[in-house]
Amino acid sequence: MIQVTIPLIPGGQSGPLIPAEQVTALLRTIAVDWLRSADAADPAVDRETVDSLAGVLDELADSIDVECIAFASAPEGQAPDGE
């Protein structure tokens, strides 16, 4: 079982915020933990399903990273989508 500490940043009225790099690290850690558990599990575990789910978590983490890079790279005063 994994243990992860995630810092929370007060976000005012919107509630607490979590740094994006912590979210993506958590998603990737969960994916790896699932794969390791499937390797050690009994034969009843459907490895194909575990692989697919872990892949979805990795893709989500990659997507968050791309969005954060676009946001950080956008010129001041311009939205990441060019508007």
PDB file of N, CA and C in Angstrom:
ATOM      1  N   MET A   1       0.847  -1.181   0.000  1.00  0.00           N
ATOM      2  CA  MET A   1       0.000   0.000   0.000  1.00  0.00           C
ATOM      3  C   MET A   1       0.888   1.239   0.000  1.00  0.00           C
ATOM      4  N   ILE A   2       0.493   2.223  -0.792  1.00  0.00           N
ATOM      5  CA  ILE A   2       1.269   3.449  -0.898  1.00  0.00           C
ATOM      6  C   ILE A   2       0.863   4.440   0.183  1.00  0.00           C
ATOM      7  N   GLN A   3       1.811   5.288   0.538  1.00  0.00           N
ATOM      8  CA  GLN A   3       1.529   6.397   1.441  1.00  0.00           C
ATOM      9  C   GLN A   3       2.069   7.650   0.781  1.00  0.00           C
ATOM     10  N   VAL A   4       1.200   8.638   0.621  1.00  0.00           N
ATOM     11  CA  VAL A   4       1.575   9.866  -0.062  1.00  0.00           C
ATOM     12  C   VAL A   4       1.134  11.046   0.781  1.00  0.00           C
ATOM     13  N   THR A   5       2.012  12.027   0.904  1.00  0.00           N
ATOM     14  CA  THR A   5       1.669  13.267   1.594  1.00  0.00           C
ATOM     15  C   THR A   5       1.496  14.347   0.537  1.00  0.00           C
ATOM     16  N   ILE A   6       0.346  15.004   0.567  1.00  0.00           N
ATOM     17  CA  ILE A   6       0.051  16.043  -0.414  1.00  0.00           C
ATOM     18  C   ILE A   6      -0.200  17.357   0.325  1.00  0.00           C
ATOM     19  N   PRO A   7       0.596  18.380  -0.009  1.00  0.00           N
ATOM     20  CA  PRO A   7       0.394  19.677   0.634  1.00  0.00           C
ATOM     21  C   PRO A   7      -0.862  20.364   0.107  1.00  0.00           C
ATOM     22  N   LEU A   8      -1.617  20.956   0.993  1.00  0.00           N
ATOM     23  CA  LEU A   8      -2.793  21.740   0.601  1.00  0.00           C
ATOM     24  C   LEU A   8      -2.458  23.215   0.747  1.00  0.00           C
ATOM     25  N   ILE A   9      -2.866  23.998  -0.233  1.00  0.00           N
ATOM     26  CA  ILE A   9      -2.638  25.436  -0.230  1.00  0.00           C
ATOM     27  C   ILE A   9      -3.994  26.111  -0.048  1.00  0.00           C
ATOM     28  N   PRO A  10      -4.115  26.996   0.958  1.00  0.00           N
ATOM     29  CA  PRO A  10      -5.397  27.681   1.130  1.00  0.00           C
ATOM     30  C   PRO A  10      -5.765  28.437  -0.142  1.00  0.00           C
ATOM     31  N   GLY A  11      -6.984  28.218  -0.616  1.00  0.00           N
ATOM     32  CA  GLY A  11      -7.416  28.842  -1.858  1.00  0.00           C
ATOM     33  C   GLY A  11      -8.512  29.858  -1.677  1.00  0.00           C
ATOM     34  N   GLY A  12      -8.674  30.357  -0.484  1.00  0.00           N
ATOM     35  CA  GLY A  12      -9.729  31.340  -0.247  1.00  0.00           C
ATOM     36  C   GLY A  12     -11.095  30.685  -0.278  1.00  0.00           C
ATOM     37  N   GLN A  13     -12.043  31.333  -0.923  1.00  0.00           N
ATOM     38  CA  GLN A  13     -13.410  30.822  -0.966  1.00  0.00           C
ATOM     39  C   GLN A  13     -13.558  29.608  -1.870  1.00  0.00           C
ATOM     40  N   SER A  14     -12.595  29.390  -2.757  1.00  0.00           N
ATOM     41  CA  SER A  14     -12.686  28.246  -3.660  1.00  0.00           C
ATOM     42  C   SER A  14     -12.272  26.948  -2.975  1.00  0.00           C
ATOM     43  N   GLY A  15     -11.774  27.010  -1.776  1.00  0.00           N
ATOM     44  CA  GLY A  15     -11.352  25.822  -1.050  1.00  0.00           C
ATOM     45  C   GLY A  15      -9.863  25.581  -1.204  1.00  0.00           C
ATOM     46  N   PRO A  16      -9.362  24.536  -0.587  1.00  0.00           N
ATOM     47  CA  PRO A  16      -7.919  24.270  -0.656  1.00  0.00           C
ATOM     48  C   PRO A  16      -7.496  23.813  -2.055  1.00  0.00           C
ATOM     49  N   LEU A  17      -6.269  24.155  -2.407  1.00  0.00           N
ATOM     50  CA  LEU A  17      -5.714  23.792  -3.707  1.00  0.00           C
ATOM     51  C   LEU A  17      -4.584  22.783  -3.515  1.00  0.00           C
ATOM     52  N   ILE A  18      -4.364  21.962  -4.507  1.00  0.00           N
ATOM     53  CA  ILE A  18      -3.287  20.979  -4.491  1.00  0.00           C
ATOM     54  C   ILE A  18      -2.376  21.299  -5.672  1.00  0.00           C
ATOM     55  N   PRO A  19      -1.054  21.395  -5.457  1.00  0.00           N
ATOM     56  CA  PRO A  19      -0.155  21.660  -6.581  1.00  0.00           C
ATOM     57  C   PRO A  19      -0.290  20.584  -7.665  1.00  0.00           C
ATOM     58  N   ALA A  20      -0.322  21.014  -8.917  1.00  0.00           N
ATOM     59  CA  ALA A  20      -0.531  20.094 -10.043  1.00  0.00           C
ATOM     60  C   ALA A  20       0.512  18.986 -10.079  1.00  0.00           C
ATOM     61  N   GLU A  21       1.768  19.319  -9.769  1.00  0.00           N
ATOM     62  CA  GLU A  21       2.794  18.274  -9.819  1.00  0.00           C
ATOM     63  C   GLU A  21       2.553  17.199  -8.769  1.00  0.00           C
ATOM     64  N   GLN A  22       1.898  17.557  -7.678  1.00  0.00           N
ATOM     65  CA  GLN A  22       1.547  16.567  -6.661  1.00  0.00           C
ATOM     66  C   GLN A  22       0.408  15.677  -7.149  1.00  0.00           C
ATOM     67  N   VAL A  23      -0.536  16.268  -7.862  1.00  0.00           N
ATOM     68  CA  VAL A  23      -1.659  15.495  -8.404  1.00  0.00           C
ATOM     69  C   VAL A  23      -1.159  14.492  -9.443  1.00  0.00           C
ATOM     70  N   THR A  24      -0.306  14.953 -10.367  1.00  0.00           N
ATOM     71  CA  THR A  24       0.192  14.047 -11.399  1.00  0.00           C
ATOM     72  C   THR A  24       1.082  12.958 -10.796  1.00  0.00           C
ATOM     73  N   ALA A  25       1.877  13.313  -9.795  1.00  0.00           N
ATOM     74  CA  ALA A  25       2.708  12.302  -9.121  1.00  0.00           C
ATOM     75  C   ALA A  25       1.824  11.270  -8.432  1.00  0.00           C
ATOM     76  N   LEU A  26       0.736  11.718  -7.815  1.00  0.00           N
ATOM     77  CA  LEU A  26      -0.187  10.798  -7.154  1.00  0.00           C
ATOM     78  C   LEU A  26      -0.823   9.848  -8.172  1.00  0.00           C
ATOM     79  N   LEU A  27      -1.294  10.379  -9.296  1.00  0.00           N
ATOM     80  CA  LEU A  27      -1.904   9.538 -10.321  1.00  0.00           C
ATOM     81  C   LEU A  27      -0.924   8.484 -10.824  1.00  0.00           C
ATOM     82  N   ARG A  28       0.316   8.898 -11.075  1.00  0.00           N
ATOM     83  CA  ARG A  28       1.322   7.944 -11.568  1.00  0.00           C
ATOM     84  C   ARG A  28       1.696   6.921 -10.500  1.00  0.00           C
ATOM     85  N   THR A  29       1.742   7.343  -9.249  1.00  0.00           N
ATOM     86  CA  THR A  29       2.048   6.422  -8.146  1.00  0.00           C
ATOM     87  C   THR A  29       0.954   5.378  -7.999  1.00  0.00           C
ATOM     88  N   ILE A  30      -0.292   5.803  -8.113  1.00  0.00           N
ATOM     89  CA  ILE A  30      -1.412   4.853  -8.023  1.00  0.00           C
ATOM     90  C   ILE A  30      -1.325   3.844  -9.163  1.00  0.00           C
ATOM     91  N   ALA A  31      -1.032   4.325 -10.379  1.00  0.00           N
ATOM     92  CA  ALA A  31      -0.923   3.420 -11.533  1.00  0.00           C
ATOM     93  C   ALA A  31       0.163   2.372 -11.308  1.00  0.00           C
ATOM     94  N   VAL A  32       1.325   2.803 -10.845  1.00  0.00           N
ATOM     95  CA  VAL A  32       2.415   1.860 -10.582  1.00  0.00           C
ATOM     96  C   VAL A  32       2.040   0.892  -9.472  1.00  0.00           C
ATOM     97  N   ASP A  33       1.384   1.385  -8.434  1.00  0.00           N
ATOM     98  CA  ASP A  33       0.967   0.524  -7.324  1.00  0.00           C
ATOM     99  C   ASP A  33      -0.016  -0.545  -7.809  1.00  0.00           C
ATOM    100  N   TRP A  34      -0.951  -0.155  -8.678  1.00  0.00           N
ATOM    101  CA  TRP A  34      -1.892  -1.128  -9.238  1.00  0.00           C
ATOM    102  C   TRP A  34      -1.158  -2.207 -10.019  1.00  0.00           C
ATOM    103  N   LEU A  35      -0.187  -1.791 -10.839  1.00  0.00           N
ATOM    104  CA  LEU A  35       0.551  -2.759 -11.651  1.00  0.00           C
ATOM    105  C   LEU A  35       1.348  -3.720 -10.769  1.00  0.00           C
ATOM    106  N   ARG A  36       1.979  -3.185  -9.737  1.00  0.00           N
ATOM    107  CA  ARG A  36       2.726  -4.048  -8.814  1.00  0.00           C
ATOM    108  C   ARG A  36       1.792  -4.998  -8.077  1.00  0.00           C
ATOM    109  N   SER A  37       0.642  -4.506  -7.677  1.00  0.00           N
ATOM    110  CA  SER A  37      -0.329  -5.362  -6.991  1.00  0.00           C
ATOM    111  C   SER A  37      -0.834  -6.464  -7.915  1.00  0.00           C
ATOM    112  N   ALA A  38      -1.038  -6.126  -9.165  1.00  0.00           N
ATOM    113  CA  ALA A  38      -1.508  -7.127 -10.122  1.00  0.00           C
ATOM    114  C   ALA A  38      -0.449  -8.202 -10.337  1.00  0.00           C
ATOM    115  N   ASP A  39       0.814  -7.803 -10.320  1.00  0.00           N
ATOM    116  CA  ASP A  39       1.900  -8.780 -10.474  1.00  0.00           C
ATOM    117  C   ASP A  39       1.919  -9.770  -9.314  1.00  0.00           C
ATOM    118  N   ALA A  40       1.589  -9.284  -8.118  1.00  0.00           N
ATOM    119  CA  ALA A  40       1.643 -10.128  -6.925  1.00  0.00           C
ATOM    120  C   ALA A  40       0.309 -10.796  -6.605  1.00  0.00           C
ATOM    121  N   ALA A  41      -0.733 -10.424  -7.325  1.00  0.00           N
ATOM    122  CA  ALA A  41      -2.080 -10.907  -7.002  1.00  0.00           C
ATOM    123  C   ALA A  41      -2.319 -12.322  -7.509  1.00  0.00           C
ATOM    124  N   ASP A  42      -3.460 -12.844  -7.085  1.00  0.00           N
ATOM    125  CA  ASP A  42      -3.833 -14.180  -7.546  1.00  0.00           C
ATOM    126  C   ASP A  42      -4.235 -14.143  -9.017  1.00  0.00           C
ATOM    127  N   PRO A  43      -4.318 -15.279  -9.647  1.00  0.00           N
ATOM    128  CA  PRO A  43      -4.625 -15.333 -11.076  1.00  0.00           C
ATOM    129  C   PRO A  43      -6.008 -14.775 -11.440  1.00  0.00           C
ATOM    130  N   ALA A  44      -6.861 -14.557 -10.460  1.00  0.00           N
ATOM    131  CA  ALA A  44      -8.207 -14.052 -10.741  1.00  0.00           C
ATOM    132  C   ALA A  44      -8.189 -12.582 -11.156  1.00  0.00           C
ATOM    133  N   VAL A  45      -7.076 -11.884 -10.899  1.00  0.00           N
ATOM    134  CA  VAL A  45      -6.980 -10.479 -11.283  1.00  0.00           C
ATOM    135  C   VAL A  45      -6.817 -10.394 -12.794  1.00  0.00           C
ATOM    136  N   ASP A  46      -7.637  -9.574 -13.410  1.00  0.00           N
ATOM    137  CA  ASP A  46      -7.582  -9.393 -14.866  1.00  0.00           C
ATOM    138  C   ASP A  46      -6.495  -8.378 -15.186  1.00  0.00           C
ATOM    139  N   ARG A  47      -5.340  -8.882 -15.580  1.00  0.00           N
ATOM    140  CA  ARG A  47      -4.176  -8.022 -15.828  1.00  0.00           C
ATOM    141  C   ARG A  47      -4.451  -7.019 -16.948  1.00  0.00           C
ATOM    142  N   GLU A  48      -5.202  -7.406 -17.941  1.00  0.00           N
ATOM    143  CA  GLU A  48      -5.510  -6.491 -19.045  1.00  0.00           C
ATOM    144  C   GLU A  48      -6.293  -5.278 -18.547  1.00  0.00           C
ATOM    145  N   THR A  49      -7.241  -5.515 -17.645  1.00  0.00           N
ATOM    146  CA  THR A  49      -8.029  -4.408 -17.086  1.00  0.00           C
ATOM    147  C   THR A  49      -7.145  -3.501 -16.241  1.00  0.00           C
ATOM    148  N   VAL A  50      -6.290  -4.093 -15.417  1.00  0.00           N
ATOM    149  CA  VAL A  50      -5.383  -3.301 -14.582  1.00  0.00           C
ATOM    150  C   VAL A  50      -4.461  -2.461 -15.469  1.00  0.00           C
ATOM    151  N   ASP A  51      -3.911  -3.068 -16.518  1.00  0.00           N
ATOM    152  CA  ASP A  51      -3.050  -2.328 -17.444  1.00  0.00           C
ATOM    153  C   ASP A  51      -3.799  -1.157 -18.086  1.00  0.00           C
ATOM    154  N   SER A  52      -5.040  -1.394 -18.476  1.00  0.00           N
ATOM    155  CA  SER A  52      -5.848  -0.338 -19.102  1.00  0.00           C
ATOM    156  C   SER A  52      -6.123   0.799 -18.131  1.00  0.00           C
ATOM    157  N   LEU A  53      -6.500   0.450 -16.909  1.00  0.00           N
ATOM    158  CA  LEU A  53      -6.786   1.483 -15.913  1.00  0.00           C
ATOM    159  C   LEU A  53      -5.537   2.279 -15.553  1.00  0.00           C
ATOM    160  N   ALA A  54      -4.413   1.592 -15.408  1.00  0.00           N
ATOM    161  CA  ALA A  54      -3.152   2.281 -15.118  1.00  0.00           C
ATOM    162  C   ALA A  54      -2.794   3.208 -16.279  1.00  0.00           C
ATOM    163  N   GLY A  55      -3.041   2.760 -17.503  1.00  0.00           N
ATOM    164  CA  GLY A  55      -2.785   3.598 -18.667  1.00  0.00           C
ATOM    165  C   GLY A  55      -3.637   4.855 -18.684  1.00  0.00           C
ATOM    166  N   VAL A  56      -4.887   4.720 -18.268  1.00  0.00           N
ATOM    167  CA  VAL A  56      -5.782   5.888 -18.201  1.00  0.00           C
ATOM    168  C   VAL A  56      -5.256   6.899 -17.183  1.00  0.00           C
ATOM    169  N   LEU A  57      -4.778   6.419 -16.042  1.00  0.00           N
ATOM    170  CA  LEU A  57      -4.224   7.332 -15.035  1.00  0.00           C
ATOM    171  C   LEU A  57      -2.982   8.039 -15.563  1.00  0.00           C
ATOM    172  N   ASP A  58      -2.121   7.312 -16.254  1.00  0.00           N
ATOM    173  CA  ASP A  58      -0.927   7.933 -16.849  1.00  0.00           C
ATOM    174  C   ASP A  58      -1.306   8.979 -17.890  1.00  0.00           C
ATOM    175  N   GLU A  59      -2.295   8.670 -18.728  1.00  0.00           N
ATOM    176  CA  GLU A  59      -2.749   9.630 -19.740  1.00  0.00           C
ATOM    177  C   GLU A  59      -3.346  10.877 -19.098  1.00  0.00           C
ATOM    178  N   LEU A  60      -4.095  10.698 -18.025  1.00  0.00           N
ATOM    179  CA  LEU A  60      -4.659  11.847 -17.308  1.00  0.00           C
ATOM    180  C   LEU A  60      -3.544  12.713 -16.730  1.00  0.00           C
ATOM    181  N   ALA A  61      -2.539  12.079 -16.129  1.00  0.00           N
ATOM    182  CA  ALA A  61      -1.405  12.827 -15.585  1.00  0.00           C
ATOM    183  C   ALA A  61      -0.682  13.585 -16.695  1.00  0.00           C
ATOM    184  N   ASP A  62      -0.480  12.932 -17.849  1.00  0.00           N
ATOM    185  CA  ASP A  62       0.162  13.605 -18.980  1.00  0.00           C
ATOM    186  C   ASP A  62      -0.666  14.802 -19.442  1.00  0.00           C
ATOM    187  N   SER A  63      -1.971  14.643 -19.498  1.00  0.00           N
ATOM    188  CA  SER A  63      -2.856  15.719 -19.929  1.00  0.00           C
ATOM    189  C   SER A  63      -2.779  16.916 -18.976  1.00  0.00           C
ATOM    190  N   ILE A  64      -2.762  16.630 -17.689  1.00  0.00           N
ATOM    191  CA  ILE A  64      -2.637  17.711 -16.699  1.00  0.00           C
ATOM    192  C   ILE A  64      -1.301  18.422 -16.872  1.00  0.00           C
ATOM    193  N   ASP A  65      -0.222  17.661 -17.078  1.00  0.00           N
ATOM    194  CA  ASP A  65       1.092  18.269 -17.296  1.00  0.00           C
ATOM    195  C   ASP A  65       1.079  19.186 -18.513  1.00  0.00           C
ATOM    196  N   VAL A  66       0.476  18.733 -19.610  1.00  0.00           N
ATOM    197  CA  VAL A  66       0.422  19.535 -20.833  1.00  0.00           C
ATOM    198  C   VAL A  66      -0.364  20.821 -20.593  1.00  0.00           C
ATOM    199  N   GLU A  67      -1.491  20.722 -19.921  1.00  0.00           N
ATOM    200  CA  GLU A  67      -2.300  21.912 -19.638  1.00  0.00           C
ATOM    201  C   GLU A  67      -1.537  22.900 -18.760  1.00  0.00           C
ATOM    202  N   CYS A  68      -0.804  22.398 -17.786  1.00  0.00           N
ATOM    203  CA  CYS A  68      -0.026  23.275 -16.902  1.00  0.00           C
ATOM    204  C   CYS A  68       1.109  23.949 -17.657  1.00  0.00           C
ATOM    205  N   ILE A  69       1.758  23.200 -18.548  1.00  0.00           N
ATOM    206  CA  ILE A  69       2.828  23.786 -19.354  1.00  0.00           C
ATOM    207  C   ILE A  69       2.256  24.873 -20.261  1.00  0.00           C
ATOM    208  N   ALA A  70       1.110  24.619 -20.875  1.00  0.00           N
ATOM    209  CA  ALA A  70       0.475  25.627 -21.732  1.00  0.00           C
ATOM    210  C   ALA A  70       0.092  26.862 -20.929  1.00  0.00           C
ATOM    211  N   PHE A  71      -0.424  26.652 -19.736  1.00  0.00           N
ATOM    212  CA  PHE A  71      -0.815  27.780 -18.885  1.00  0.00           C
ATOM    213  C   PHE A  71       0.403  28.597 -18.487  1.00  0.00           C
ATOM    214  N   ALA A  72       1.463  27.911 -18.083  1.00  0.00           N
ATOM    215  CA  ALA A  72       2.676  28.606 -17.637  1.00  0.00           C
ATOM    216  C   ALA A  72       3.405  29.278 -18.794  1.00  0.00           C
ATOM    217  N   SER A  73       3.227  28.773 -20.009  1.00  0.00           N
ATOM    218  CA  SER A  73       3.927  29.303 -21.180  1.00  0.00           C
ATOM    219  C   SER A  73       3.154  30.412 -21.894  1.00  0.00           C
ATOM    220  N   ALA A  74       1.892  30.600 -21.553  1.00  0.00           N
ATOM    221  CA  ALA A  74       1.073  31.616 -22.226  1.00  0.00           C
ATOM    222  C   ALA A  74       1.604  33.006 -21.892  1.00  0.00           C
ATOM    223  N   PRO A  75       1.662  33.887 -22.897  1.00  0.00           N
ATOM    224  CA  PRO A  75       2.084  35.265 -22.634  1.00  0.00           C
ATOM    225  C   PRO A  75       1.171  35.913 -21.596  1.00  0.00           C
ATOM    226  N   GLU A  76       1.728  36.813 -20.819  1.00  0.00           N
ATOM    227  CA  GLU A  76       0.963  37.478 -19.767  1.00  0.00           C
ATOM    228  C   GLU A  76      -0.274  38.157 -20.352  1.00  0.00           C
ATOM    229  N   GLY A  77      -1.405  37.955 -19.732  1.00  0.00           N
ATOM    230  CA  GLY A  77      -2.648  38.555 -20.182  1.00  0.00           C
ATOM    231  C   GLY A  77      -3.356  37.762 -21.264  1.00  0.00           C
ATOM    232  N   GLN A  78      -2.761  36.652 -21.711  1.00  0.00           N
ATOM    233  CA  GLN A  78      -3.377  35.837 -22.747  1.00  0.00           C
ATOM    234  C   GLN A  78      -3.669  34.459 -22.179  1.00  0.00           C
ATOM    235  N   ALA A  79      -4.860  33.955 -22.476  1.00  0.00           N
ATOM    236  CA  ALA A  79      -5.246  32.624 -22.029  1.00  0.00           C
ATOM    237  C   ALA A  79      -4.421  31.587 -22.784  1.00  0.00           C
ATOM    238  N   PRO A  80      -4.214  30.403 -22.188  1.00  0.00           N
ATOM    239  CA  PRO A  80      -3.428  29.356 -22.859  1.00  0.00           C
ATOM    240  C   PRO A  80      -3.992  28.937 -24.211  1.00  0.00           C
ATOM    241  N   ASP A  81      -5.293  29.149 -24.439  1.00  0.00           N
ATOM    242  CA  ASP A  81      -5.890  28.757 -25.722  1.00  0.00           C
ATOM    243  C   ASP A  81      -5.763  29.857 -26.781  1.00  0.00           C
ATOM    244  N   GLY A  82      -5.020  30.936 -26.453  1.00  0.00           N
ATOM    245  CA  GLY A  82      -4.772  31.987 -27.416  1.00  0.00           C
ATOM    246  C   GLY A  82      -5.710  33.164 -27.350  1.00  0.00           C
ATOM    247  N   GLU A  83      -6.684  33.111 -26.470  1.00  0.00           N
ATOM    248  CA  GLU A  83      -7.662  34.207 -26.382  1.00  0.00           C
ATOM    249  C   GLU A  83      -7.199  35.270 -25.424  1.00  0.00           C
TER     250      GLU A  83
END
